[in-house]
């Protein structure tokens, strides 16, 4: 399950950076990625709050500081992953 969450977090991070035009090609290790909290599992998926794990690097536009990740296991062959700005 951790691998799925880590993979989903990568998708969320990529999605967050892809919503704005690219400003720079700098993807150095200074980009912090996201940390997950409030992870909730159900029989059909999981959800988590994602928070930027350090200072934004804004490599592909403005990093979104807080996201809500939702993963649904639709069938044995279909996995739906959504990340949206968190409402706080």
PDB file of N, CA and C in Angstrom:
ATOM      1  N   UNK A   1       0.829  -1.193   0.000  1.00  0.00           N
ATOM      2  CA  UNK A   1       0.000   0.000   0.000  1.00  0.00           C
ATOM      3  C   UNK A   1       0.871   1.254   0.000  1.00  0.00           C
ATOM      4  N   UNK A   2       1.998   1.232   0.757  1.00  0.00           N
ATOM      5  CA  UNK A   2       2.874   2.395   0.793  1.00  0.00           C
ATOM      6  C   UNK A   2       3.375   2.744  -0.600  1.00  0.00           C
ATOM      7  N   UNK A   3       3.721   1.720  -1.391  1.00  0.00           N
ATOM      8  CA  UNK A   3       4.202   1.963  -2.750  1.00  0.00           C
ATOM      9  C   UNK A   3       3.154   2.661  -3.587  1.00  0.00           C
ATOM     10  N   UNK A   4       1.886   2.259  -3.418  1.00  0.00           N
ATOM     11  CA  UNK A   4       0.794   2.910  -4.145  1.00  0.00           C
ATOM     12  C   UNK A   4       0.668   4.358  -3.732  1.00  0.00           C
ATOM     13  N   UNK A   5       0.745   4.611  -2.417  1.00  0.00           N
ATOM     14  CA  UNK A   5       0.648   5.984  -1.935  1.00  0.00           C
ATOM     15  C   UNK A   5       1.816   6.815  -2.435  1.00  0.00           C
ATOM     16  N   UNK A   6       3.015   6.264  -2.394  1.00  0.00           N
ATOM     17  CA  UNK A   6       4.184   6.999  -2.873  1.00  0.00           C
ATOM     18  C   UNK A   6       4.040   7.291  -4.363  1.00  0.00           C
ATOM     19  N   UNK A   7       3.589   6.305  -5.137  1.00  0.00           N
ATOM     20  CA  UNK A   7       3.378   6.514  -6.573  1.00  0.00           C
ATOM     21  C   UNK A   7       2.298   7.544  -6.816  1.00  0.00           C
ATOM     22  N   UNK A   8       1.240   7.492  -6.020  1.00  0.00           N
ATOM     23  CA  UNK A   8       0.159   8.460  -6.159  1.00  0.00           C
ATOM     24  C   UNK A   8       0.639   9.861  -5.809  1.00  0.00           C
ATOM     25  N   UNK A   9       1.488   9.957  -4.786  1.00  0.00           N
ATOM     26  CA  UNK A   9       2.028  11.258  -4.410  1.00  0.00           C
ATOM     27  C   UNK A   9       2.882  11.829  -5.535  1.00  0.00           C
ATOM     28  N   UNK A  10       3.626  10.974  -6.225  1.00  0.00           N
ATOM     29  CA  UNK A  10       4.410  11.442  -7.364  1.00  0.00           C
ATOM     30  C   UNK A  10       3.504  11.962  -8.465  1.00  0.00           C
ATOM     31  N   UNK A  11       2.411  11.253  -8.715  1.00  0.00           N
ATOM     32  CA  UNK A  11       1.451  11.715  -9.712  1.00  0.00           C
ATOM     33  C   UNK A  11       0.885  13.058  -9.293  1.00  0.00           C
ATOM     34  N   UNK A  12       0.550  13.188  -8.025  1.00  0.00           N
ATOM     35  CA  UNK A  12       0.014  14.451  -7.538  1.00  0.00           C
ATOM     36  C   UNK A  12       1.030  15.571  -7.679  1.00  0.00           C
ATOM     37  N   UNK A  13       2.276  15.285  -7.357  1.00  0.00           N
ATOM     38  CA  UNK A  13       3.321  16.300  -7.487  1.00  0.00           C
ATOM     39  C   UNK A  13       3.491  16.711  -8.937  1.00  0.00           C
ATOM     40  N   UNK A  14       3.482  15.747  -9.834  1.00  0.00           N
ATOM     41  CA  UNK A  14       3.619  16.057 -11.254  1.00  0.00           C
ATOM     42  C   UNK A  14       2.431  16.867 -11.733  1.00  0.00           C
ATOM     43  N   UNK A  15       1.226  16.499 -11.282  1.00  0.00           N
ATOM     44  CA  UNK A  15       0.029  17.229 -11.693  1.00  0.00           C
ATOM     45  C   UNK A  15       0.059  18.661 -11.185  1.00  0.00           C
ATOM     46  N   UNK A  16       0.518  18.838  -9.955  1.00  0.00           N
ATOM     47  CA  UNK A  16       0.561  20.176  -9.377  1.00  0.00           C
ATOM     48  C   UNK A  16       1.486  21.081 -10.172  1.00  0.00           C
ATOM     49  N   UNK A  17       2.580  20.548 -10.648  1.00  0.00           N
ATOM     50  CA  UNK A  17       3.526  21.354 -11.399  1.00  0.00           C
ATOM     51  C   UNK A  17       3.079  21.561 -12.838  1.00  0.00           C
ATOM     52  N   UNK A  18       2.232  20.692 -13.350  1.00  0.00           N
ATOM     53  CA  UNK A  18       1.861  20.750 -14.758  1.00  0.00           C
ATOM     54  C   UNK A  18       0.730  21.726 -15.036  1.00  0.00           C
ATOM     55  N   UNK A  19       0.098  22.304 -14.006  1.00  0.00           N
ATOM     56  CA  UNK A  19      -1.049  23.162 -14.263  1.00  0.00           C
ATOM     57  C   UNK A  19      -0.664  24.578 -14.666  1.00  0.00           C
ATOM     58  N   UNK A  20       0.593  24.928 -14.586  1.00  0.00           N
ATOM     59  CA  UNK A  20       1.050  26.254 -14.986  1.00  0.00           C
ATOM     60  C   UNK A  20       2.175  26.100 -16.000  1.00  0.00           C
ATOM     61  N   UNK A  21       2.354  27.086 -16.858  1.00  0.00           N
ATOM     62  CA  UNK A  21       3.431  26.991 -17.851  1.00  0.00           C
ATOM     63  C   UNK A  21       4.794  26.819 -17.190  1.00  0.00           C
ATOM     64  N   UNK A  22       5.674  26.085 -17.849  1.00  0.00           N
ATOM     65  CA  UNK A  22       7.016  25.865 -17.332  1.00  0.00           C
ATOM     66  C   UNK A  22       7.777  27.184 -17.277  1.00  0.00           C
ATOM     67  N   UNK A  23       8.432  27.419 -16.142  1.00  0.00           N
ATOM     68  CA  UNK A  23       9.210  28.634 -15.970  1.00  0.00           C
ATOM     69  C   UNK A  23      10.700  28.364 -16.025  1.00  0.00           C
ATOM     70  N   UNK A  24      11.106  27.158 -15.658  1.00  0.00           N
ATOM     71  CA  UNK A  24      12.515  26.817 -15.618  1.00  0.00           C
ATOM     72  C   UNK A  24      12.667  25.308 -15.756  1.00  0.00           C
ATOM     73  N   UNK A  25      13.834  24.855 -16.118  1.00  0.00           N
ATOM     74  CA  UNK A  25      14.101  23.422 -16.196  1.00  0.00           C
ATOM     75  C   UNK A  25      14.776  22.890 -14.943  1.00  0.00           C
ATOM     76  N   UNK A  26      14.874  23.681 -13.900  1.00  0.00           N
ATOM     77  CA  UNK A  26      15.564  23.280 -12.683  1.00  0.00           C
ATOM     78  C   UNK A  26      14.727  22.264 -11.907  1.00  0.00           C
ATOM     79  N   UNK A  27      15.125  21.017 -11.930  1.00  0.00           N
ATOM     80  CA  UNK A  27      14.459  19.982 -11.134  1.00  0.00           C
ATOM     81  C   UNK A  27      15.472  19.353 -10.184  1.00  0.00           C
ATOM     82  N   UNK A  28      16.326  20.170  -9.625  1.00  0.00           N
ATOM     83  CA  UNK A  28      17.362  19.702  -8.711  1.00  0.00           C
ATOM     84  C   UNK A  28      16.739  19.115  -7.450  1.00  0.00           C
ATOM     85  N   UNK A  29      17.537  18.428  -6.631  1.00  0.00           N
ATOM     86  CA  UNK A  29      17.020  17.853  -5.393  1.00  0.00           C
ATOM     87  C   UNK A  29      16.437  18.884  -4.426  1.00  0.00           C
ATOM     88  N   UNK A  30      16.585  20.180  -4.710  1.00  0.00           N
ATOM     89  CA  UNK A  30      16.016  21.204  -3.844  1.00  0.00           C
ATOM     90  C   UNK A  30      14.487  21.177  -3.866  1.00  0.00           C
ATOM     91  N   UNK A  31      13.892  20.523  -4.862  1.00  0.00           N
ATOM     92  CA  UNK A  31      12.435  20.406  -4.910  1.00  0.00           C
ATOM     93  C   UNK A  31      11.992  19.397  -3.853  1.00  0.00           C
ATOM     94  N   UNK A  32      11.135  19.810  -2.907  1.00  0.00           N
ATOM     95  CA  UNK A  32      10.878  18.983  -1.740  1.00  0.00           C
ATOM     96  C   UNK A  32       9.893  17.834  -1.933  1.00  0.00           C
ATOM     97  N   UNK A  33       9.027  17.903  -2.917  1.00  0.00           N
ATOM     98  CA  UNK A  33       7.974  16.899  -3.036  1.00  0.00           C
ATOM     99  C   UNK A  33       6.891  17.152  -1.999  1.00  0.00           C
ATOM    100  N   UNK A  34       6.078  16.142  -1.739  1.00  0.00           N
ATOM    101  CA  UNK A  34       4.952  16.275  -0.827  1.00  0.00           C
ATOM    102  C   UNK A  34       5.017  15.221   0.274  1.00  0.00           C
ATOM    103  N   UNK A  35       4.463  15.566   1.440  1.00  0.00           N
ATOM    104  CA  UNK A  35       4.308  14.591   2.510  1.00  0.00           C
ATOM    105  C   UNK A  35       2.807  14.337   2.694  1.00  0.00           C
ATOM    106  N   UNK A  36       2.465  13.100   3.061  1.00  0.00           N
ATOM    107  CA  UNK A  36       1.064  12.703   3.215  1.00  0.00           C
ATOM    108  C   UNK A  36       0.684  12.653   4.687  1.00  0.00           C
ATOM    109  N   UNK A  37      -0.526  13.102   4.995  1.00  0.00           N
ATOM    110  CA  UNK A  37      -1.086  12.995   6.342  1.00  0.00           C
ATOM    111  C   UNK A  37      -2.568  12.665   6.216  1.00  0.00           C
ATOM    112  N   UNK A  38      -3.177  12.330   7.327  1.00  0.00           N
ATOM    113  CA  UNK A  38      -4.608  12.022   7.347  1.00  0.00           C
ATOM    114  C   UNK A  38      -4.974  10.980   6.287  1.00  0.00           C
ATOM    115  N   UNK A  39      -4.158   9.932   6.165  1.00  0.00           N
ATOM    116  CA  UNK A  39      -4.399   8.877   5.175  1.00  0.00           C
ATOM    117  C   UNK A  39      -5.570   8.024   5.654  1.00  0.00           C
ATOM    118  N   UNK A  40      -6.593   7.924   4.814  1.00  0.00           N
ATOM    119  CA  UNK A  40      -7.792   7.147   5.120  1.00  0.00           C
ATOM    120  C   UNK A  40      -7.946   6.058   4.070  1.00  0.00           C
ATOM    121  N   UNK A  41      -8.049   4.803   4.498  1.00  0.00           N
ATOM    122  CA  UNK A  41      -8.240   3.687   3.578  1.00  0.00           C
ATOM    123  C   UNK A  41      -9.668   3.184   3.665  1.00  0.00           C
ATOM    124  N   UNK A  42     -10.174   2.719   2.529  1.00  0.00           N
ATOM    125  CA  UNK A  42     -11.489   2.089   2.497  1.00  0.00           C
ATOM    126  C   UNK A  42     -11.385   0.852   1.615  1.00  0.00           C
ATOM    127  N   UNK A  43     -12.478   0.146   1.450  1.00  0.00           N
ATOM    128  CA  UNK A  43     -12.472  -1.024   0.595  1.00  0.00           C
ATOM    129  C   UNK A  43     -12.341  -0.701  -0.875  1.00  0.00           C
ATOM    130  N   UNK A  44     -12.539   0.567  -1.232  1.00  0.00           N
ATOM    131  CA  UNK A  44     -12.484   0.951  -2.650  1.00  0.00           C
ATOM    132  C   UNK A  44     -11.388   1.951  -2.970  1.00  0.00           C
ATOM    133  N   UNK A  45     -10.501   2.253  -2.011  1.00  0.00           N
ATOM    134  CA  UNK A  45      -9.421   3.188  -2.310  1.00  0.00           C
ATOM    135  C   UNK A  45      -8.838   3.823  -1.072  1.00  0.00           C
ATOM    136  N   UNK A  46      -8.303   5.008  -1.260  1.00  0.00           N
ATOM    137  CA  UNK A  46      -7.732   5.760  -0.151  1.00  0.00           C
ATOM    138  C   UNK A  46      -7.755   7.245  -0.472  1.00  0.00           C
ATOM    139  N   UNK A  47      -7.584   8.042   0.569  1.00  0.00           N
ATOM    140  CA  UNK A  47      -7.474   9.488   0.410  1.00  0.00           C
ATOM    141  C   UNK A  47      -6.418   9.985   1.383  1.00  0.00           C
ATOM    142  N   UNK A  48      -5.832  11.127   1.085  1.00  0.00           N
ATOM    143  CA  UNK A  48      -4.800  11.701   1.946  1.00  0.00           C
ATOM    144  C   UNK A  48      -4.688  13.195   1.685  1.00  0.00           C
ATOM    145  N   UNK A  49      -4.237  13.903   2.695  1.00  0.00           N
ATOM    146  CA  UNK A  49      -3.889  15.315   2.540  1.00  0.00           C
ATOM    147  C   UNK A  49      -2.407  15.368   2.204  1.00  0.00           C
ATOM    148  N   UNK A  50      -2.051  16.092   1.159  1.00  0.00           N
ATOM    149  CA  UNK A  50      -0.651  16.247   0.767  1.00  0.00           C
ATOM    150  C   UNK A  50      -0.229  17.684   1.030  1.00  0.00           C
ATOM    151  N   UNK A  51       0.932  17.848   1.644  1.00  0.00           N
ATOM    152  CA  UNK A  51       1.482  19.175   1.929  1.00  0.00           C
ATOM    153  C   UNK A  51       2.888  19.246   1.379  1.00  0.00           C
ATOM    154  N   UNK A  52       3.222  20.362   0.781  1.00  0.00           N
ATOM    155  CA  UNK A  52       4.563  20.568   0.266  1.00  0.00           C
ATOM    156  C   UNK A  52       5.550  20.348   1.405  1.00  0.00           C
ATOM    157  N   UNK A  53       6.560  19.515   1.180  1.00  0.00           N
ATOM    158  CA  UNK A  53       7.468  19.080   2.243  1.00  0.00           C
ATOM    159  C   UNK A  53       8.675  19.997   2.419  1.00  0.00           C
ATOM    160  N   UNK A  54       8.560  21.224   2.029  1.00  0.00           N
ATOM    161  CA  UNK A  54       9.651  22.193   2.157  1.00  0.00           C
ATOM    162  C   UNK A  54       9.319  23.435   1.354  1.00  0.00           C
ATOM    163  N   UNK A  55      10.323  24.220   1.074  1.00  0.00           N
ATOM    164  CA  UNK A  55      10.120  25.437   0.295  1.00  0.00           C
ATOM    165  C   UNK A  55       9.816  25.091  -1.158  1.00  0.00           C
ATOM    166  N   UNK A  56       8.837  25.773  -1.764  1.00  0.00           N
ATOM    167  CA  UNK A  56       8.516  25.493  -3.164  1.00  0.00           C
ATOM    168  C   UNK A  56       9.695  25.783  -4.076  1.00  0.00           C
ATOM    169  N   UNK A  57       9.866  24.957  -5.106  1.00  0.00           N
ATOM    170  CA  UNK A  57      10.921  25.241  -6.076  1.00  0.00           C
ATOM    171  C   UNK A  57      10.326  25.809  -7.366  1.00  0.00           C
ATOM    172  N   UNK A  58       9.018  25.625  -7.571  1.00  0.00           N
ATOM    173  CA  UNK A  58       8.309  26.234  -8.701  1.00  0.00           C
ATOM    174  C   UNK A  58       8.961  25.945 -10.042  1.00  0.00           C
ATOM    175  N   UNK A  59       9.439  24.713 -10.236  1.00  0.00           N
ATOM    176  CA  UNK A  59      10.122  24.348 -11.473  1.00  0.00           C
ATOM    177  C   UNK A  59       9.224  24.435 -12.698  1.00  0.00           C
ATOM    178  N   UNK A  60       7.949  24.096 -12.543  1.00  0.00           N
ATOM    179  CA  UNK A  60       7.027  24.089 -13.677  1.00  0.00           C
ATOM    180  C   UNK A  60       5.836  24.991 -13.429  1.00  0.00           C
ATOM    181  N   UNK A  61       6.065  26.093 -12.778  1.00  0.00           N
ATOM    182  CA  UNK A  61       4.991  26.996 -12.390  1.00  0.00           C
ATOM    183  C   UNK A  61       4.912  27.018 -10.873  1.00  0.00           C
ATOM    184  N   UNK A  62       3.906  27.690 -10.347  1.00  0.00           N
ATOM    185  CA  UNK A  62       3.762  27.833  -8.895  1.00  0.00           C
ATOM    186  C   UNK A  62       3.331  26.506  -8.272  1.00  0.00           C
ATOM    187  N   UNK A  63       4.126  25.996  -7.325  1.00  0.00           N
ATOM    188  CA  UNK A  63       3.769  24.766  -6.619  1.00  0.00           C
ATOM    189  C   UNK A  63       2.544  25.024  -5.744  1.00  0.00           C
ATOM    190  N   UNK A  64       1.640  24.084  -5.716  1.00  0.00           N
ATOM    191  CA  UNK A  64       0.469  24.154  -4.842  1.00  0.00           C
ATOM    192  C   UNK A  64       0.871  23.575  -3.501  1.00  0.00           C
ATOM    193  N   UNK A  65       0.678  24.340  -2.433  1.00  0.00           N
ATOM    194  CA  UNK A  65       1.189  23.927  -1.126  1.00  0.00           C
ATOM    195  C   UNK A  65       0.392  22.799  -0.492  1.00  0.00           C
ATOM    196  N   UNK A  66      -0.925  22.758  -0.683  1.00  0.00           N
ATOM    197  CA  UNK A  66      -1.764  21.726  -0.073  1.00  0.00           C
ATOM    198  C   UNK A  66      -2.676  21.108  -1.122  1.00  0.00           C
ATOM    199  N   UNK A  67      -2.676  19.773  -1.179  1.00  0.00           N
ATOM    200  CA  UNK A  67      -3.507  19.036  -2.124  1.00  0.00           C
ATOM    201  C   UNK A  67      -4.307  17.984  -1.383  1.00  0.00           C
ATOM    202  N   UNK A  68      -5.411  17.579  -1.978  1.00  0.00           N
ATOM    203  CA  UNK A  68      -6.200  16.448  -1.480  1.00  0.00           C
ATOM    204  C   UNK A  68      -6.089  15.346  -2.522  1.00  0.00           C
ATOM    205  N   UNK A  69      -5.555  14.194  -2.138  1.00  0.00           N
ATOM    206  CA  UNK A  69      -5.369  13.058  -3.024  1.00  0.00           C
ATOM    207  C   UNK A  69      -6.484  12.054  -2.800  1.00  0.00           C
ATOM    208  N   UNK A  70      -7.107  11.597  -3.887  1.00  0.00           N
ATOM    209  CA  UNK A  70      -8.136  10.565  -3.821  1.00  0.00           C
ATOM    210  C   UNK A  70      -7.784   9.477  -4.825  1.00  0.00           C
ATOM    211  N   UNK A  71      -7.711   8.235  -4.361  1.00  0.00           N
ATOM    212  CA  UNK A  71      -7.406   7.085  -5.212  1.00  0.00           C
ATOM    213  C   UNK A  71      -8.578   6.119  -5.109  1.00  0.00           C
ATOM    214  N   UNK A  72      -9.138   5.741  -6.268  1.00  0.00           N
ATOM    215  CA  UNK A  72     -10.252   4.790  -6.303  1.00  0.00           C
ATOM    216  C   UNK A  72      -9.849   3.574  -7.110  1.00  0.00           C
ATOM    217  N   UNK A  73     -10.080   2.394  -6.540  1.00  0.00           N
ATOM    218  CA  UNK A  73      -9.847   1.149  -7.259  1.00  0.00           C
ATOM    219  C   UNK A  73     -11.150   0.804  -7.960  1.00  0.00           C
ATOM    220  N   UNK A  74     -11.291   1.204  -9.223  1.00  0.00           N
ATOM    221  CA  UNK A  74     -12.548   1.011  -9.931  1.00  0.00           C
ATOM    222  C   UNK A  74     -12.763  -0.441 -10.334  1.00  0.00           C
ATOM    223  N   UNK A  75     -11.747  -1.077 -10.885  1.00  0.00           N
ATOM    224  CA  UNK A  75     -11.806  -2.497 -11.249  1.00  0.00           C
ATOM    225  C   UNK A  75     -10.413  -3.067 -11.037  1.00  0.00           C
ATOM    226  N   UNK A  76     -10.233  -4.343 -11.348  1.00  0.00           N
ATOM    227  CA  UNK A  76      -8.919  -4.954 -11.245  1.00  0.00           C
ATOM    228  C   UNK A  76      -7.915  -4.358 -12.215  1.00  0.00           C
ATOM    229  N   UNK A  77      -8.390  -3.664 -13.237  1.00  0.00           N
ATOM    230  CA  UNK A  77      -7.514  -3.098 -14.260  1.00  0.00           C
ATOM    231  C   UNK A  77      -7.543  -1.571 -14.304  1.00  0.00           C
ATOM    232  N   UNK A  78      -8.386  -0.921 -13.496  1.00  0.00           N
ATOM    233  CA  UNK A  78      -8.552   0.532 -13.578  1.00  0.00           C
ATOM    234  C   UNK A  78      -8.341   1.174 -12.214  1.00  0.00           C
ATOM    235  N   UNK A  79      -7.422   2.108 -12.168  1.00  0.00           N
ATOM    236  CA  UNK A  79      -7.119   2.868 -10.959  1.00  0.00           C
ATOM    237  C   UNK A  79      -7.322   4.334 -11.288  1.00  0.00           C
ATOM    238  N   UNK A  80      -8.146   5.020 -10.531  1.00  0.00           N
ATOM    239  CA  UNK A  80      -8.406   6.439 -10.751  1.00  0.00           C
ATOM    240  C   UNK A  80      -7.704   7.241  -9.665  1.00  0.00           C
ATOM    241  N   UNK A  81      -6.891   8.230 -10.072  1.00  0.00           N
ATOM    242  CA  UNK A  81      -6.145   9.067  -9.142  1.00  0.00           C
ATOM    243  C   UNK A  81      -6.504  10.520  -9.414  1.00  0.00           C
ATOM    244  N   UNK A  82      -6.913  11.245  -8.376  1.00  0.00           N
ATOM    245  CA  UNK A  82      -7.247  12.658  -8.484  1.00  0.00           C
ATOM    246  C   UNK A  82      -6.473  13.433  -7.427  1.00  0.00           C
ATOM    247  N   UNK A  83      -5.990  14.590  -7.808  1.00  0.00           N
ATOM    248  CA  UNK A  83      -5.397  15.503  -6.825  1.00  0.00           C
ATOM    249  C   UNK A  83      -5.967  16.876  -7.099  1.00  0.00           C
ATOM    250  N   UNK A  84      -6.457  17.500  -6.057  1.00  0.00           N
ATOM    251  CA  UNK A  84      -7.096  18.802  -6.152  1.00  0.00           C
ATOM    252  C   UNK A  84      -6.568  19.713  -5.053  1.00  0.00           C
ATOM    253  N   UNK A  85      -6.541  21.027  -5.298  1.00  0.00           N
ATOM    254  CA  UNK A  85      -6.136  21.938  -4.230  1.00  0.00           C
ATOM    255  C   UNK A  85      -7.006  21.702  -3.004  1.00  0.00           C
ATOM    256  N   UNK A  86      -6.386  21.634  -1.852  1.00  0.00           N
ATOM    257  CA  UNK A  86      -7.110  21.390  -0.616  1.00  0.00           C
ATOM    258  C   UNK A  86      -7.872  22.641  -0.204  1.00  0.00           C
ATOM    259  N   UNK A  87      -9.034  22.439   0.341  1.00  0.00           N
ATOM    260  CA  UNK A  87      -9.834  23.558   0.871  1.00  0.00           C
ATOM    261  C   UNK A  87      -9.591  23.606   2.367  1.00  0.00           C
ATOM    262  N   UNK A  88      -8.896  24.626   2.818  1.00  0.00           N
ATOM    263  CA  UNK A  88      -8.588  24.736   4.251  1.00  0.00           C
ATOM    264  C   UNK A  88      -9.021  26.064   4.766  1.00  0.00           C
TER     265      UNK A  88
END
